[in-house]
């Protein structure tokens, strides 16, 4: 399977550096432009399927791409939603540190083991995301070209599950770009990053 992945366009919460995993916000003006840029980049790509998370920001990012690929099958799957940050949703790091200093420090020390209050643990998130990807890998044709529109945490988690020696935090999926992977029984190969 040829898998193209992309992050949704920017939102005001990105600029404000807020944690907003499950908070359902719209793209800002820059995010709308980024969606249009990616749509132009993908215009001549033959897409068999488009998968997106169940969040407004991926729905808005997908609109111009869907318009250019009306014959692609569309799947909306909350398995690819961003991780829930629970009580930290809508707050930036300074606000979280003030409101929940002990848990914030614990999370900074062990982000893959400590979950925000009322939030999702990384392990639960990782299982959810990788199971969703496995479902589509098994469901769609091995010869298909599929586009996944998701979130930075979702894409980093998939990437890290495929390439565990890579640094999770240094993996960048830029808004306005897409990356290309080949998925096969032999494993996953990165073909292009942030095109």
C-alpha atoms as a PDB file:
ATOM      1  CA  UNK A   1       0.000   0.000   0.000  1.00  0.00           C
ATOM      2  CA  UNK A   2       1.219   3.443  -0.858  1.00  0.00           C
ATOM      3  CA  UNK A   3       0.297   5.558   2.168  1.00  0.00           C
ATOM      4  CA  UNK A   4       0.400   9.325   2.112  1.00  0.00           C
ATOM      5  CA  UNK A   5       0.021  11.002   5.487  1.00  0.00           C
ATOM      6  CA  UNK A   6      -0.513  14.616   6.379  1.00  0.00           C
ATOM      7  CA  UNK A   7      -1.200  16.760   9.384  1.00  0.00           C
ATOM      8  CA  UNK A   8      -4.272  19.002   9.447  1.00  0.00           C
ATOM      9  CA  UNK A   9      -3.817  22.710   8.778  1.00  0.00           C
ATOM     10  CA  UNK A  10      -2.979  25.150  11.545  1.00  0.00           C
ATOM     11  CA  UNK A  11      -5.440  26.415  14.134  1.00  0.00           C
ATOM     12  CA  UNK A  12      -5.297  29.371  16.501  1.00  0.00           C
ATOM     13  CA  UNK A  13      -4.469  26.893  19.273  1.00  0.00           C
ATOM     14  CA  UNK A  14      -1.257  25.953  17.423  1.00  0.00           C
ATOM     15  CA  UNK A  15      -0.112  29.572  17.555  1.00  0.00           C
ATOM     16  CA  UNK A  16      -1.073  29.823  21.207  1.00  0.00           C
ATOM     17  CA  UNK A  17       0.814  26.559  21.879  1.00  0.00           C
ATOM     18  CA  UNK A  18      -2.190  25.048  23.649  1.00  0.00           C
ATOM     19  CA  UNK A  19      -2.834  21.381  24.310  1.00  0.00           C
ATOM     20  CA  UNK A  20      -6.036  20.610  22.433  1.00  0.00           C
ATOM     21  CA  UNK A  21      -6.127  16.947  21.448  1.00  0.00           C
ATOM     22  CA  UNK A  22      -9.882  16.296  21.668  1.00  0.00           C
ATOM     23  CA  UNK A  23     -10.986  19.927  21.586  1.00  0.00           C
ATOM     24  CA  UNK A  24     -12.798  20.271  18.262  1.00  0.00           C
ATOM     25  CA  UNK A  25     -11.517  23.523  16.756  1.00  0.00           C
ATOM     26  CA  UNK A  26     -11.580  24.866  13.202  1.00  0.00           C
ATOM     27  CA  UNK A  27      -8.665  25.783  10.995  1.00  0.00           C
ATOM     28  CA  UNK A  28      -7.536  29.390  11.069  1.00  0.00           C
ATOM     29  CA  UNK A  29      -6.865  31.386   7.892  1.00  0.00           C
ATOM     30  CA  UNK A  30      -3.344  29.964   7.585  1.00  0.00           C
ATOM     31  CA  UNK A  31      -4.687  26.433   8.032  1.00  0.00           C
ATOM     32  CA  UNK A  32      -7.210  26.902   5.231  1.00  0.00           C
ATOM     33  CA  UNK A  33      -4.406  28.106   2.935  1.00  0.00           C
ATOM     34  CA  UNK A  34      -2.251  25.118   3.929  1.00  0.00           C
ATOM     35  CA  UNK A  35      -5.103  22.762   3.013  1.00  0.00           C
ATOM     36  CA  UNK A  36      -5.357  24.412  -0.398  1.00  0.00           C
ATOM     37  CA  UNK A  37      -1.576  24.145  -0.900  1.00  0.00           C
ATOM     38  CA  UNK A  38      -1.586  20.412  -0.157  1.00  0.00           C
ATOM     39  CA  UNK A  39      -4.605  19.923  -2.374  1.00  0.00           C
ATOM     40  CA  UNK A  40      -2.662  21.448  -5.276  1.00  0.00           C
ATOM     41  CA  UNK A  41       0.330  19.225  -4.516  1.00  0.00           C
ATOM     42  CA  UNK A  42      -1.928  16.147  -4.548  1.00  0.00           C
ATOM     43  CA  UNK A  43      -4.049  17.147  -7.552  1.00  0.00           C
ATOM     44  CA  UNK A  44      -2.331  14.737  -9.965  1.00  0.00           C
ATOM     45  CA  UNK A  45      -1.974  11.930  -7.416  1.00  0.00           C
ATOM     46  CA  UNK A  46      -4.366   9.034  -7.957  1.00  0.00           C
ATOM     47  CA  UNK A  47      -6.021   8.430  -4.578  1.00  0.00           C
ATOM     48  CA  UNK A  48      -8.103   5.310  -3.999  1.00  0.00           C
ATOM     49  CA  UNK A  49      -9.023   6.176  -0.420  1.00  0.00           C
ATOM     50  CA  UNK A  50      -8.964   9.165   1.907  1.00  0.00           C
ATOM     51  CA  UNK A  51      -9.041   8.508   5.633  1.00  0.00           C
ATOM     52  CA  UNK A  52      -9.379  11.282   8.183  1.00  0.00           C
ATOM     53  CA  UNK A  53      -9.909  11.542  11.898  1.00  0.00           C
ATOM     54  CA  UNK A  54     -13.285  12.496  13.287  1.00  0.00           C
ATOM     55  CA  UNK A  55     -12.233  16.051  14.140  1.00  0.00           C
ATOM     56  CA  UNK A  56     -13.340  19.320  12.518  1.00  0.00           C
ATOM     57  CA  UNK A  57      -9.780  20.359  11.679  1.00  0.00           C
ATOM     58  CA  UNK A  58      -9.185  17.259   9.558  1.00  0.00           C
ATOM     59  CA  UNK A  59     -12.625  17.590   7.944  1.00  0.00           C
ATOM     60  CA  UNK A  60     -11.810  21.147   6.896  1.00  0.00           C
ATOM     61  CA  UNK A  61      -8.333  20.142   5.708  1.00  0.00           C
ATOM     62  CA  UNK A  62      -9.791  17.333   3.608  1.00  0.00           C
ATOM     63  CA  UNK A  63     -12.422  19.428   1.764  1.00  0.00           C
ATOM     64  CA  UNK A  64     -10.318  20.688  -1.169  1.00  0.00           C
ATOM     65  CA  UNK A  65      -8.604  17.302  -1.506  1.00  0.00           C
ATOM     66  CA  UNK A  66     -11.921  15.451  -1.630  1.00  0.00           C
ATOM     67  CA  UNK A  67     -13.168  17.934  -4.240  1.00  0.00           C
ATOM     68  CA  UNK A  68     -10.149  17.076  -6.433  1.00  0.00           C
ATOM     69  CA  UNK A  69     -10.569  13.311  -5.860  1.00  0.00           C
ATOM     70  CA  UNK A  70     -14.330  12.663  -6.013  1.00  0.00           C
ATOM     71  CA  UNK A  71     -13.875   8.957  -6.780  1.00  0.00           C
ATOM     72  CA  UNK A  72     -11.743   8.204  -3.718  1.00  0.00           C
ATOM     73  CA  UNK A  73     -13.490   6.268  -0.959  1.00  0.00           C
ATOM     74  CA  UNK A  74     -13.808   8.413   2.172  1.00  0.00           C
ATOM     75  CA  UNK A  75     -13.419   6.979   5.682  1.00  0.00           C
ATOM     76  CA  UNK A  76     -13.883   8.980   8.887  1.00  0.00           C
ATOM     77  CA  UNK A  77     -12.370   7.168  11.842  1.00  0.00           C
ATOM     78  CA  UNK A  78     -12.010   8.395  15.433  1.00  0.00           C
ATOM     79  CA  UNK A  79      -9.229   5.835  15.860  1.00  0.00           C
ATOM     80  CA  UNK A  80      -6.994   8.480  14.288  1.00  0.00           C
ATOM     81  CA  UNK A  81      -8.144  11.336  16.564  1.00  0.00           C
ATOM     82  CA  UNK A  82      -5.476  13.135  18.550  1.00  0.00           C
ATOM     83  CA  UNK A  83      -4.723  11.994  22.100  1.00  0.00           C
ATOM     84  CA  UNK A  84      -7.030  13.396  24.764  1.00  0.00           C
ATOM     85  CA  UNK A  85      -5.255  15.723  27.179  1.00  0.00           C
ATOM     86  CA  UNK A  86      -8.160  15.644  29.618  1.00  0.00           C
ATOM     87  CA  UNK A  87      -7.979  18.417  32.219  1.00  0.00           C
ATOM     88  CA  UNK A  88      -5.169  20.093  30.257  1.00  0.00           C
ATOM     89  CA  UNK A  89      -7.234  20.674  27.113  1.00  0.00           C
ATOM     90  CA  UNK A  90      -7.158  24.308  26.025  1.00  0.00           C
ATOM     91  CA  UNK A  91      -4.240  25.250  28.286  1.00  0.00           C
ATOM     92  CA  UNK A  92      -0.642  26.074  27.426  1.00  0.00           C
ATOM     93  CA  UNK A  93       2.356  24.699  29.339  1.00  0.00           C
ATOM     94  CA  UNK A  94       2.515  27.654  31.766  1.00  0.00           C
ATOM     95  CA  UNK A  95      -1.174  27.341  32.604  1.00  0.00           C
ATOM     96  CA  UNK A  96      -0.853  23.580  33.131  1.00  0.00           C
ATOM     97  CA  UNK A  97       2.199  24.023  35.350  1.00  0.00           C
ATOM     98  CA  UNK A  98       0.283  26.537  37.490  1.00  0.00           C
ATOM     99  CA  UNK A  99      -2.919  24.480  37.682  1.00  0.00           C
ATOM    100  CA  UNK A 100      -1.406  20.994  38.034  1.00  0.00           C
ATOM    101  CA  UNK A 101       2.300  21.308  38.928  1.00  0.00           C
ATOM    102  CA  UNK A 102       2.880  17.782  40.271  1.00  0.00           C
ATOM    103  CA  UNK A 103       1.291  15.952  37.345  1.00  0.00           C
ATOM    104  CA  UNK A 104       2.897  18.347  34.874  1.00  0.00           C
ATOM    105  CA  UNK A 105       6.362  17.541  36.213  1.00  0.00           C
ATOM    106  CA  UNK A 106       5.581  13.818  36.276  1.00  0.00           C
ATOM    107  CA  UNK A 107       4.431  14.035  32.636  1.00  0.00           C
ATOM    108  CA  UNK A 108       7.566  15.976  31.626  1.00  0.00           C
ATOM    109  CA  UNK A 109       9.697  13.306  33.294  1.00  0.00           C
ATOM    110  CA  UNK A 110       7.795  10.345  31.811  1.00  0.00           C
ATOM    111  CA  UNK A 111       5.452  11.462  28.993  1.00  0.00           C
ATOM    112  CA  UNK A 112       4.917   7.918  27.724  1.00  0.00           C
ATOM    113  CA  UNK A 113       3.898   6.627  31.175  1.00  0.00           C
ATOM    114  CA  UNK A 114       1.975   9.487  32.822  1.00  0.00           C
ATOM    115  CA  UNK A 115      -1.455  10.653  31.602  1.00  0.00           C
ATOM    116  CA  UNK A 116      -3.048  14.037  32.263  1.00  0.00           C
ATOM    117  CA  UNK A 117      -5.971  13.952  34.685  1.00  0.00           C
ATOM    118  CA  UNK A 118      -9.042  12.583  32.893  1.00  0.00           C
ATOM    119  CA  UNK A 119      -6.870  12.215  29.788  1.00  0.00           C
ATOM    120  CA  UNK A 120      -5.690   9.333  27.659  1.00  0.00           C
ATOM    121  CA  UNK A 121      -2.494   7.486  28.442  1.00  0.00           C
ATOM    122  CA  UNK A 122       0.073   7.292  25.670  1.00  0.00           C
ATOM    123  CA  UNK A 123      -0.143   3.493  25.681  1.00  0.00           C
ATOM    124  CA  UNK A 124      -3.917   3.574  25.182  1.00  0.00           C
ATOM    125  CA  UNK A 125      -3.489   6.175  22.435  1.00  0.00           C
ATOM    126  CA  UNK A 126      -0.777   4.145  20.712  1.00  0.00           C
ATOM    127  CA  UNK A 127      -2.897   0.980  20.721  1.00  0.00           C
ATOM    128  CA  UNK A 128      -5.899   2.891  19.349  1.00  0.00           C
ATOM    129  CA  UNK A 129      -3.923   4.501  16.517  1.00  0.00           C
ATOM    130  CA  UNK A 130      -1.954   1.414  15.484  1.00  0.00           C
ATOM    131  CA  UNK A 131      -5.073  -0.761  15.548  1.00  0.00           C
ATOM    132  CA  UNK A 132      -6.854   1.734  13.304  1.00  0.00           C
ATOM    133  CA  UNK A 133      -3.949   1.668  10.833  1.00  0.00           C
ATOM    134  CA  UNK A 134      -3.833  -2.139  10.867  1.00  0.00           C
ATOM    135  CA  UNK A 135      -7.573  -2.238  10.119  1.00  0.00           C
ATOM    136  CA  UNK A 136      -7.145  -0.187   6.932  1.00  0.00           C
ATOM    137  CA  UNK A 137      -3.991  -2.006   5.901  1.00  0.00           C
ATOM    138  CA  UNK A 138      -5.979  -5.241   6.018  1.00  0.00           C
ATOM    139  CA  UNK A 139      -9.145  -3.753   4.502  1.00  0.00           C
ATOM    140  CA  UNK A 140      -7.742  -1.832   1.527  1.00  0.00           C
ATOM    141  CA  UNK A 141      -6.020  -3.300  -1.501  1.00  0.00           C
ATOM    142  CA  UNK A 142      -2.234  -3.709  -1.226  1.00  0.00           C
ATOM    143  CA  UNK A 143      -2.050  -1.862  -4.570  1.00  0.00           C
ATOM    144  CA  UNK A 144      -4.066   1.106  -3.285  1.00  0.00           C
ATOM    145  CA  UNK A 145      -2.881   4.651  -2.780  1.00  0.00           C
ATOM    146  CA  UNK A 146      -4.358   5.985   0.438  1.00  0.00           C
ATOM    147  CA  UNK A 147      -4.200   9.408   2.079  1.00  0.00           C
ATOM    148  CA  UNK A 148      -4.459   9.714   5.870  1.00  0.00           C
ATOM    149  CA  UNK A 149      -5.253  13.172   7.277  1.00  0.00           C
ATOM    150  CA  UNK A 150      -4.634  13.226  11.004  1.00  0.00           C
ATOM    151  CA  UNK A 151      -2.781  14.964  13.840  1.00  0.00           C
ATOM    152  CA  UNK A 152       0.833  15.430  14.861  1.00  0.00           C
ATOM    153  CA  UNK A 153       0.598  13.012  17.803  1.00  0.00           C
ATOM    154  CA  UNK A 154      -1.190  10.432  15.663  1.00  0.00           C
ATOM    155  CA  UNK A 155       1.381  10.635  12.868  1.00  0.00           C
ATOM    156  CA  UNK A 156       4.331  10.615  15.270  1.00  0.00           C
ATOM    157  CA  UNK A 157       2.887   7.546  16.979  1.00  0.00           C
ATOM    158  CA  UNK A 158       2.501   5.670  13.697  1.00  0.00           C
ATOM    159  CA  UNK A 159       5.993   6.707  12.605  1.00  0.00           C
ATOM    160  CA  UNK A 160       7.517   5.620  15.908  1.00  0.00           C
ATOM    161  CA  UNK A 161       5.703   2.257  15.734  1.00  0.00           C
ATOM    162  CA  UNK A 162       7.272   1.704  12.295  1.00  0.00           C
ATOM    163  CA  UNK A 163      10.691   3.157  13.152  1.00  0.00           C
ATOM    164  CA  UNK A 164      11.134   2.711  16.921  1.00  0.00           C
ATOM    165  CA  UNK A 165      14.755   3.859  16.947  1.00  0.00           C
ATOM    166  CA  UNK A 166      13.747   7.337  15.735  1.00  0.00           C
ATOM    167  CA  UNK A 167      13.289  10.125  18.290  1.00  0.00           C
ATOM    168  CA  UNK A 168       9.544  10.610  18.814  1.00  0.00           C
ATOM    169  CA  UNK A 169       9.813  14.314  19.650  1.00  0.00           C
ATOM    170  CA  UNK A 170      12.106  15.175  16.734  1.00  0.00           C
ATOM    171  CA  UNK A 171       9.795  13.676  14.107  1.00  0.00           C
ATOM    172  CA  UNK A 172       8.224  16.564  12.187  1.00  0.00           C
ATOM    173  CA  UNK A 173       5.099  16.450  10.048  1.00  0.00           C
ATOM    174  CA  UNK A 174       4.703  19.961   8.697  1.00  0.00           C
ATOM    175  CA  UNK A 175       1.276  21.453   8.017  1.00  0.00           C
ATOM    176  CA  UNK A 176       0.877  22.125   4.300  1.00  0.00           C
ATOM    177  CA  UNK A 177       2.941  19.060   3.386  1.00  0.00           C
ATOM    178  CA  UNK A 178       2.458  15.322   3.027  1.00  0.00           C
ATOM    179  CA  UNK A 179       4.757  12.336   3.516  1.00  0.00           C
ATOM    180  CA  UNK A 180       4.841   9.051   1.616  1.00  0.00           C
ATOM    181  CA  UNK A 181       5.310   5.503   2.926  1.00  0.00           C
ATOM    182  CA  UNK A 182       5.203   2.075   1.364  1.00  0.00           C
ATOM    183  CA  UNK A 183       3.470  -0.498   3.581  1.00  0.00           C
ATOM    184  CA  UNK A 184       3.949  -4.154   2.742  1.00  0.00           C
ATOM    185  CA  UNK A 185       4.310  -7.545   4.361  1.00  0.00           C
ATOM    186  CA  UNK A 186       8.047  -6.800   4.510  1.00  0.00           C
ATOM    187  CA  UNK A 187       7.537  -3.702   6.641  1.00  0.00           C
ATOM    188  CA  UNK A 188       7.305   0.053   6.149  1.00  0.00           C
ATOM    189  CA  UNK A 189       9.583   2.175   3.983  1.00  0.00           C
ATOM    190  CA  UNK A 190       9.715   5.974   4.098  1.00  0.00           C
ATOM    191  CA  UNK A 191       9.702   7.287   0.525  1.00  0.00           C
ATOM    192  CA  UNK A 192       9.383  11.044   1.140  1.00  0.00           C
ATOM    193  CA  UNK A 193       8.988  13.320   4.151  1.00  0.00           C
ATOM    194  CA  UNK A 194       7.205  16.692   4.117  1.00  0.00           C
ATOM    195  CA  UNK A 195       6.733  17.080   0.362  1.00  0.00           C
END
